[in-house]
Amino acid sequence: MSFHCPLRRPTTITEFLKTQRPQPQPQTRHASLLRRPKRPYTFTQLVTLSDGSTYTHRTTSPAAIYKASKDTRNTALWNPSSQKLMNVEADEAGRLRAFRERFGRGWDAQTAGGRAQEEERRGRRMTRMRVCWI
């Protein structure tokens, strides 16, 4: 069983218009999609380093001025020979002080005199513990 359907061209103009007429599209009232740009907007920013020097650069941060408290000029990692930066006690940001307030000074590096005092304190604690258990 074969099915044969010949392709026929429209013979009259009305048939031609019926076949070529586009389907009516309903009106839409929603907003059309606006594509975002591929690159983000960049702002000009003035960076002030710890020694007072400044430079400008383009960044995505909207802050116009950035003041760096730590940079390559005042970090021991970048300046290992600087004696000024070797002092751990000089804490500009106050992070070491905040740590000591929260956890005490037990984490500090101990000297010979400090070790003796710590051992003495430990001995006192141990005697107190023994007294409590007896």
N, C-alpha and C. Protein backbone atom coordinates (compact mmCIF):
# COMPACT_ATOMS: atom_id res chain seq x y z
N MET A 1 0.84 -1.16 0.00
CA MET A 1 0.00 0.00 0.00
C MET A 1 0.89 1.22 0.00
N SER A 2 0.78 1.97 -1.01
CA SER A 2 1.59 3.17 -1.10
C SER A 2 0.69 4.39 -1.08
N PHE A 3 1.22 5.38 -0.44
CA PHE A 3 0.47 6.62 -0.33
C PHE A 3 1.22 7.66 -1.13
N HIS A 4 0.57 8.24 -2.09
CA HIS A 4 1.22 9.22 -2.94
C HIS A 4 0.47 10.54 -2.80
N CYS A 5 1.21 11.56 -2.34
CA CYS A 5 0.60 12.88 -2.18
C CYS A 5 1.41 13.86 -3.01
N PRO A 6 0.90 14.26 -4.14
CA PRO A 6 1.68 15.18 -4.97
C PRO A 6 1.72 16.58 -4.35
N LEU A 7 2.87 17.22 -4.46
CA LEU A 7 2.98 18.61 -4.00
C LEU A 7 2.43 19.50 -5.09
N ARG A 8 1.50 20.30 -4.72
CA ARG A 8 0.94 21.18 -5.74
C ARG A 8 1.10 22.62 -5.32
N ARG A 9 1.29 23.43 -6.28
CA ARG A 9 1.43 24.85 -6.05
C ARG A 9 0.06 25.50 -6.07
N PRO A 10 -0.07 26.60 -5.28
CA PRO A 10 -1.36 27.30 -5.35
C PRO A 10 -1.57 27.89 -6.74
N THR A 11 -2.73 27.72 -7.24
CA THR A 11 -3.01 28.18 -8.60
C THR A 11 -3.60 29.58 -8.62
N THR A 12 -4.32 29.95 -7.58
CA THR A 12 -4.92 31.28 -7.57
C THR A 12 -4.21 32.14 -6.54
N ILE A 13 -4.42 33.40 -6.64
CA ILE A 13 -3.78 34.35 -5.72
C ILE A 13 -4.34 34.21 -4.32
N THR A 14 -5.62 33.89 -4.18
CA THR A 14 -6.20 33.73 -2.84
C THR A 14 -5.62 32.50 -2.14
N GLU A 15 -5.44 31.44 -2.89
CA GLU A 15 -4.80 30.27 -2.29
C GLU A 15 -3.37 30.60 -1.87
N PHE A 16 -2.71 31.38 -2.70
CA PHE A 16 -1.33 31.77 -2.38
C PHE A 16 -1.28 32.60 -1.10
N LEU A 17 -2.19 33.55 -0.96
CA LEU A 17 -2.21 34.39 0.24
C LEU A 17 -2.59 33.59 1.48
N LYS A 18 -3.47 32.61 1.34
CA LYS A 18 -3.85 31.78 2.48
C LYS A 18 -2.66 30.97 2.99
N THR A 19 -1.85 30.48 2.09
CA THR A 19 -0.71 29.67 2.52
C THR A 19 0.43 30.53 3.07
N GLN A 20 0.59 31.75 2.63
CA GLN A 20 1.70 32.59 3.04
C GLN A 20 1.37 33.53 4.19
N ARG A 21 0.14 33.56 4.64
CA ARG A 21 -0.26 34.49 5.69
C ARG A 21 0.34 34.07 7.03
N PRO A 22 1.01 34.98 7.72
CA PRO A 22 1.56 34.63 9.04
C PRO A 22 0.46 34.50 10.07
N GLN A 23 0.70 33.67 11.04
CA GLN A 23 -0.27 33.49 12.10
C GLN A 23 -0.26 34.73 12.99
N PRO A 24 -1.43 35.18 13.43
CA PRO A 24 -1.46 36.38 14.28
C PRO A 24 -0.83 36.09 15.64
N GLN A 25 0.05 37.00 16.09
CA GLN A 25 0.71 36.87 17.38
C GLN A 25 -0.04 37.72 18.40
N PRO A 26 -0.29 37.18 19.58
CA PRO A 26 -0.95 37.99 20.60
C PRO A 26 -0.01 39.08 21.11
N GLN A 27 -0.60 40.18 21.52
CA GLN A 27 0.21 41.27 22.05
C GLN A 27 0.75 40.90 23.42
N THR A 28 1.99 41.29 23.67
CA THR A 28 2.57 41.07 25.00
C THR A 28 2.86 42.42 25.63
N ARG A 29 2.62 42.50 26.94
CA ARG A 29 2.82 43.76 27.64
C ARG A 29 3.94 43.69 28.67
N HIS A 30 4.65 42.56 28.72
CA HIS A 30 5.75 42.47 29.68
C HIS A 30 7.00 43.13 29.10
N ALA A 31 7.92 43.41 29.97
CA ALA A 31 9.15 44.08 29.55
C ALA A 31 10.02 43.11 28.76
N SER A 32 10.69 43.66 27.79
CA SER A 32 11.60 42.82 27.03
C SER A 32 12.90 42.62 27.82
N LEU A 33 13.58 41.56 27.55
CA LEU A 33 14.79 41.21 28.28
C LEU A 33 15.94 42.09 27.84
N LEU A 34 16.56 42.77 28.80
CA LEU A 34 17.74 43.59 28.51
C LEU A 34 18.97 42.81 28.97
N ARG A 35 19.83 42.49 28.05
CA ARG A 35 21.02 41.73 28.37
C ARG A 35 22.02 42.60 29.13
N ARG A 36 22.64 42.00 30.17
CA ARG A 36 23.66 42.72 30.92
C ARG A 36 24.95 42.74 30.12
N PRO A 37 25.77 43.75 30.33
CA PRO A 37 27.04 43.78 29.60
C PRO A 37 27.95 42.63 30.05
N LYS A 38 28.82 42.21 29.18
CA LYS A 38 29.70 41.09 29.48
C LYS A 38 30.74 41.46 30.54
N ARG A 39 31.20 42.69 30.54
CA ARG A 39 32.20 43.13 31.51
C ARG A 39 31.53 43.99 32.58
N PRO A 40 31.91 43.82 33.85
CA PRO A 40 31.32 44.65 34.90
C PRO A 40 31.84 46.08 34.81
N TYR A 41 31.07 46.99 35.37
CA TYR A 41 31.50 48.39 35.39
C TYR A 41 32.67 48.54 36.34
N THR A 42 33.66 49.33 35.96
CA THR A 42 34.81 49.55 36.83
C THR A 42 34.86 51.01 37.26
N PHE A 43 35.27 51.21 38.50
CA PHE A 43 35.39 52.54 39.08
C PHE A 43 36.86 52.89 39.24
N THR A 44 37.17 54.18 39.25
CA THR A 44 38.52 54.63 39.54
C THR A 44 38.66 54.76 41.05
N GLN A 45 39.71 54.19 41.61
CA GLN A 45 39.90 54.18 43.05
C GLN A 45 41.29 54.71 43.39
N LEU A 46 41.36 55.56 44.43
CA LEU A 46 42.63 56.09 44.91
C LEU A 46 43.06 55.24 46.10
N VAL A 47 44.22 54.59 46.00
CA VAL A 47 44.73 53.72 47.05
C VAL A 47 45.84 54.46 47.79
N THR A 48 45.71 54.58 49.12
CA THR A 48 46.73 55.20 49.95
C THR A 48 47.44 54.10 50.73
N LEU A 49 48.75 54.00 50.54
CA LEU A 49 49.54 52.98 51.22
C LEU A 49 49.93 53.44 52.61
N SER A 50 50.54 52.55 53.38
CA SER A 50 50.86 52.85 54.78
C SER A 50 51.91 53.94 54.92
N ASP A 51 52.78 54.13 53.91
CA ASP A 51 53.80 55.17 54.00
C ASP A 51 53.31 56.51 53.45
N GLY A 52 52.07 56.59 53.02
CA GLY A 52 51.50 57.84 52.54
C GLY A 52 51.48 57.97 51.03
N SER A 53 52.15 57.11 50.31
CA SER A 53 52.14 57.19 48.86
C SER A 53 50.78 56.73 48.33
N THR A 54 50.41 57.28 47.18
CA THR A 54 49.10 56.97 46.60
C THR A 54 49.25 56.58 45.14
N TYR A 55 48.28 55.84 44.66
CA TYR A 55 48.17 55.54 43.24
C TYR A 55 46.70 55.29 42.93
N THR A 56 46.34 55.42 41.67
CA THR A 56 44.96 55.18 41.25
C THR A 56 44.92 53.93 40.37
N HIS A 57 43.82 53.23 40.44
CA HIS A 57 43.61 52.08 39.57
C HIS A 57 42.13 51.85 39.39
N ARG A 58 41.79 51.03 38.38
CA ARG A 58 40.40 50.71 38.07
C ARG A 58 40.02 49.43 38.80
N THR A 59 38.85 49.44 39.44
CA THR A 59 38.40 48.29 40.20
C THR A 59 36.88 48.22 40.15
N THR A 60 36.33 47.07 40.53
CA THR A 60 34.87 46.93 40.58
C THR A 60 34.31 47.44 41.89
N SER A 61 35.17 47.80 42.85
CA SER A 61 34.71 48.33 44.13
C SER A 61 34.25 49.77 43.95
N PRO A 62 33.06 50.12 44.46
CA PRO A 62 32.58 51.49 44.27
C PRO A 62 33.21 52.51 45.22
N ALA A 63 34.03 52.06 46.20
CA ALA A 63 34.66 53.00 47.12
C ALA A 63 35.68 53.85 46.36
N ALA A 64 35.60 55.16 46.52
CA ALA A 64 36.49 56.06 45.78
C ALA A 64 37.89 56.08 46.37
N ILE A 65 38.01 55.91 47.70
CA ILE A 65 39.30 55.96 48.38
C ILE A 65 39.46 54.71 49.22
N TYR A 66 40.65 54.09 49.16
CA TYR A 66 40.97 52.92 49.97
C TYR A 66 42.27 53.18 50.69
N LYS A 67 42.25 53.08 52.03
CA LYS A 67 43.45 53.29 52.83
C LYS A 67 43.92 51.94 53.34
N ALA A 68 45.08 51.50 52.89
CA ALA A 68 45.62 50.20 53.25
C ALA A 68 46.40 50.30 54.55
N SER A 69 46.04 49.47 55.53
CA SER A 69 46.81 49.44 56.78
C SER A 69 47.96 48.46 56.67
N LYS A 70 47.81 47.41 55.90
CA LYS A 70 48.88 46.45 55.66
C LYS A 70 49.14 46.39 54.16
N ASP A 71 50.40 46.54 53.78
CA ASP A 71 50.78 46.41 52.38
C ASP A 71 52.20 45.88 52.30
N THR A 72 52.81 45.94 51.13
CA THR A 72 54.15 45.37 50.95
C THR A 72 55.23 46.15 51.69
N ARG A 73 54.94 47.38 52.10
CA ARG A 73 55.96 48.19 52.77
C ARG A 73 56.01 47.94 54.28
N ASN A 74 54.96 47.41 54.88
CA ASN A 74 54.97 47.21 56.33
C ASN A 74 54.59 45.78 56.74
N THR A 75 54.95 44.81 55.91
CA THR A 75 54.70 43.41 56.23
C THR A 75 56.03 42.67 56.28
N ALA A 76 56.23 41.88 57.33
CA ALA A 76 57.50 41.18 57.51
C ALA A 76 57.76 40.16 56.40
N LEU A 77 56.72 39.64 55.80
CA LEU A 77 56.89 38.68 54.72
C LEU A 77 57.58 39.31 53.51
N TRP A 78 57.27 40.58 53.23
CA TRP A 78 57.86 41.27 52.09
C TRP A 78 59.18 41.94 52.46
N ASN A 79 59.40 42.24 53.73
CA ASN A 79 60.63 42.90 54.18
C ASN A 79 61.24 42.11 55.33
N PRO A 80 61.85 40.96 55.05
CA PRO A 80 62.36 40.13 56.15
C PRO A 80 63.56 40.73 56.87
N SER A 81 64.28 41.66 56.26
CA SER A 81 65.47 42.23 56.91
C SER A 81 65.14 43.45 57.77
N SER A 82 63.93 43.93 57.73
CA SER A 82 63.55 45.12 58.49
C SER A 82 63.41 44.79 59.98
N GLN A 83 64.22 45.45 60.82
CA GLN A 83 64.17 45.21 62.26
C GLN A 83 62.90 45.79 62.87
N LYS A 84 62.40 46.85 62.26
CA LYS A 84 61.17 47.47 62.76
C LYS A 84 59.98 46.51 62.67
N LEU A 85 59.96 45.71 61.60
CA LEU A 85 58.84 44.79 61.39
C LEU A 85 59.01 43.47 62.13
N MET A 86 60.18 43.21 62.67
CA MET A 86 60.40 41.96 63.38
C MET A 86 59.73 41.95 64.75
N ASN A 87 59.39 43.11 65.28
CA ASN A 87 58.75 43.20 66.59
C ASN A 87 57.29 42.79 66.46
N VAL A 88 56.94 41.68 67.04
CA VAL A 88 55.58 41.17 66.96
C VAL A 88 54.64 41.98 67.84
N GLU A 89 55.21 42.61 68.88
CA GLU A 89 54.39 43.35 69.83
C GLU A 89 53.79 44.62 69.23
N ALA A 90 54.45 45.19 68.22
CA ALA A 90 53.92 46.40 67.59
C ALA A 90 52.76 45.99 66.69
N ASP A 91 51.58 46.10 67.21
CA ASP A 91 50.39 45.63 66.51
C ASP A 91 49.52 46.83 66.17
N GLU A 92 49.58 47.26 64.91
CA GLU A 92 48.85 48.47 64.51
C GLU A 92 47.34 48.24 64.50
N ALA A 93 46.92 47.09 64.07
CA ALA A 93 45.49 46.84 63.94
C ALA A 93 44.84 46.47 65.26
N GLY A 94 45.63 46.14 66.30
CA GLY A 94 45.07 45.79 67.59
C GLY A 94 44.59 44.35 67.67
N ARG A 95 44.98 43.52 66.71
CA ARG A 95 44.51 42.13 66.71
C ARG A 95 45.17 41.32 67.81
N LEU A 96 46.47 41.59 68.05
CA LEU A 96 47.17 40.85 69.10
C LEU A 96 46.60 41.21 70.47
N ARG A 97 46.31 42.49 70.68
CA ARG A 97 45.74 42.93 71.95
C ARG A 97 44.36 42.31 72.16
N ALA A 98 43.56 42.26 71.12
CA ALA A 98 42.23 41.66 71.23
C ALA A 98 42.33 40.17 71.54
N PHE A 99 43.30 39.49 70.94
CA PHE A 99 43.49 38.07 71.21
C PHE A 99 43.88 37.86 72.67
N ARG A 100 44.78 38.70 73.18
CA ARG A 100 45.22 38.56 74.57
C ARG A 100 44.09 38.87 75.55
N GLU A 101 43.24 39.83 75.21
CA GLU A 101 42.11 40.13 76.09
C GLU A 101 41.14 38.94 76.14
N ARG A 102 41.00 38.27 75.03
CA ARG A 102 40.04 37.17 74.97
C ARG A 102 40.59 35.87 75.55
N PHE A 103 41.87 35.56 75.25
CA PHE A 103 42.42 34.26 75.63
C PHE A 103 43.55 34.32 76.65
N GLY A 104 43.98 35.51 77.04
CA GLY A 104 45.07 35.61 78.02
C GLY A 104 46.43 35.59 77.36
N ARG A 105 47.47 35.54 78.20
CA ARG A 105 48.84 35.59 77.69
C ARG A 105 49.50 34.22 77.66
N GLY A 106 48.77 33.17 77.86
CA GLY A 106 49.34 31.82 77.87
C GLY A 106 49.90 31.39 76.53
N TRP A 107 49.52 32.07 75.46
CA TRP A 107 49.98 31.70 74.12
C TRP A 107 51.25 32.43 73.73
N ASP A 108 51.72 33.36 74.54
CA ASP A 108 52.91 34.14 74.20
C ASP A 108 54.15 33.26 74.22
N ALA A 109 55.15 33.66 73.45
CA ALA A 109 56.43 32.96 73.49
C ALA A 109 57.06 33.23 74.85
N GLN A 110 57.58 32.19 75.47
CA GLN A 110 58.05 32.32 76.85
C GLN A 110 59.57 32.38 76.89
N THR A 111 60.09 33.21 77.79
CA THR A 111 61.52 33.29 78.04
C THR A 111 61.86 32.30 79.15
N ALA A 112 63.14 32.25 79.54
CA ALA A 112 63.55 31.31 80.59
C ALA A 112 62.86 31.64 81.91
N GLY A 113 62.77 32.94 82.24
CA GLY A 113 62.09 33.34 83.47
C GLY A 113 60.60 33.06 83.40
N GLY A 114 60.03 33.23 82.24
CA GLY A 114 58.61 32.98 82.06
C GLY A 114 58.28 31.50 82.20
N ARG A 115 59.19 30.64 81.72
CA ARG A 115 58.97 29.19 81.84
C ARG A 115 58.96 28.77 83.31
N ALA A 116 59.88 29.33 84.08
CA ALA A 116 59.94 28.97 85.51
C ALA A 116 58.66 29.38 86.21
N GLN A 117 58.17 30.58 85.88
CA GLN A 117 56.92 31.05 86.49
C GLN A 117 55.75 30.16 86.08
N GLU A 118 55.74 29.74 84.82
CA GLU A 118 54.66 28.88 84.34
C GLU A 118 54.69 27.52 85.03
N GLU A 119 55.91 26.96 85.19
CA GLU A 119 56.02 25.67 85.89
C GLU A 119 55.58 25.80 87.34
N GLU A 120 55.93 26.93 87.95
CA GLU A 120 55.52 27.17 89.34
C GLU A 120 54.00 27.23 89.44
N ARG A 121 53.38 27.91 88.49
CA ARG A 121 51.91 27.99 88.48
C ARG A 121 51.29 26.61 88.27
N ARG A 122 51.88 25.83 87.38
CA ARG A 122 51.37 24.48 87.15
C ARG A 122 51.47 23.64 88.41
N GLY A 123 52.60 23.79 89.13
CA GLY A 123 52.78 23.05 90.39
C GLY A 123 51.72 23.42 91.40
N ARG A 124 51.39 24.70 91.48
CA ARG A 124 50.35 25.15 92.41
C ARG A 124 49.00 24.54 92.02
N ARG A 125 48.73 24.52 90.73
CA ARG A 125 47.46 23.95 90.28
C ARG A 125 47.38 22.47 90.63
N MET A 126 48.48 21.77 90.42
CA MET A 126 48.49 20.33 90.71
C MET A 126 48.28 20.07 92.20
N THR A 127 48.90 20.89 93.07
CA THR A 127 48.71 20.68 94.50
C THR A 127 47.28 20.99 94.88
N ARG A 128 46.70 22.01 94.26
CA ARG A 128 45.29 22.33 94.54
C ARG A 128 44.40 21.17 94.10
N MET A 129 44.72 20.60 92.96
CA MET A 129 43.91 19.49 92.47
C MET A 129 44.04 18.28 93.40
N ARG A 130 45.25 18.04 93.88
CA ARG A 130 45.44 16.90 94.78
C ARG A 130 44.68 17.12 96.09
N VAL A 131 44.72 18.36 96.56
CA VAL A 131 44.02 18.67 97.81
C VAL A 131 42.52 18.48 97.63
N CYS A 132 42.02 18.88 96.47
CA CYS A 132 40.59 18.76 96.23
C CYS A 132 40.16 17.30 96.16
N TRP A 133 41.00 16.43 95.64
CA TRP A 133 40.63 15.04 95.47
C TRP A 133 40.80 14.22 96.75
N ILE A 134 41.56 14.71 97.71
CA ILE A 134 41.80 13.92 98.93
C ILE A 134 40.63 14.04 99.88
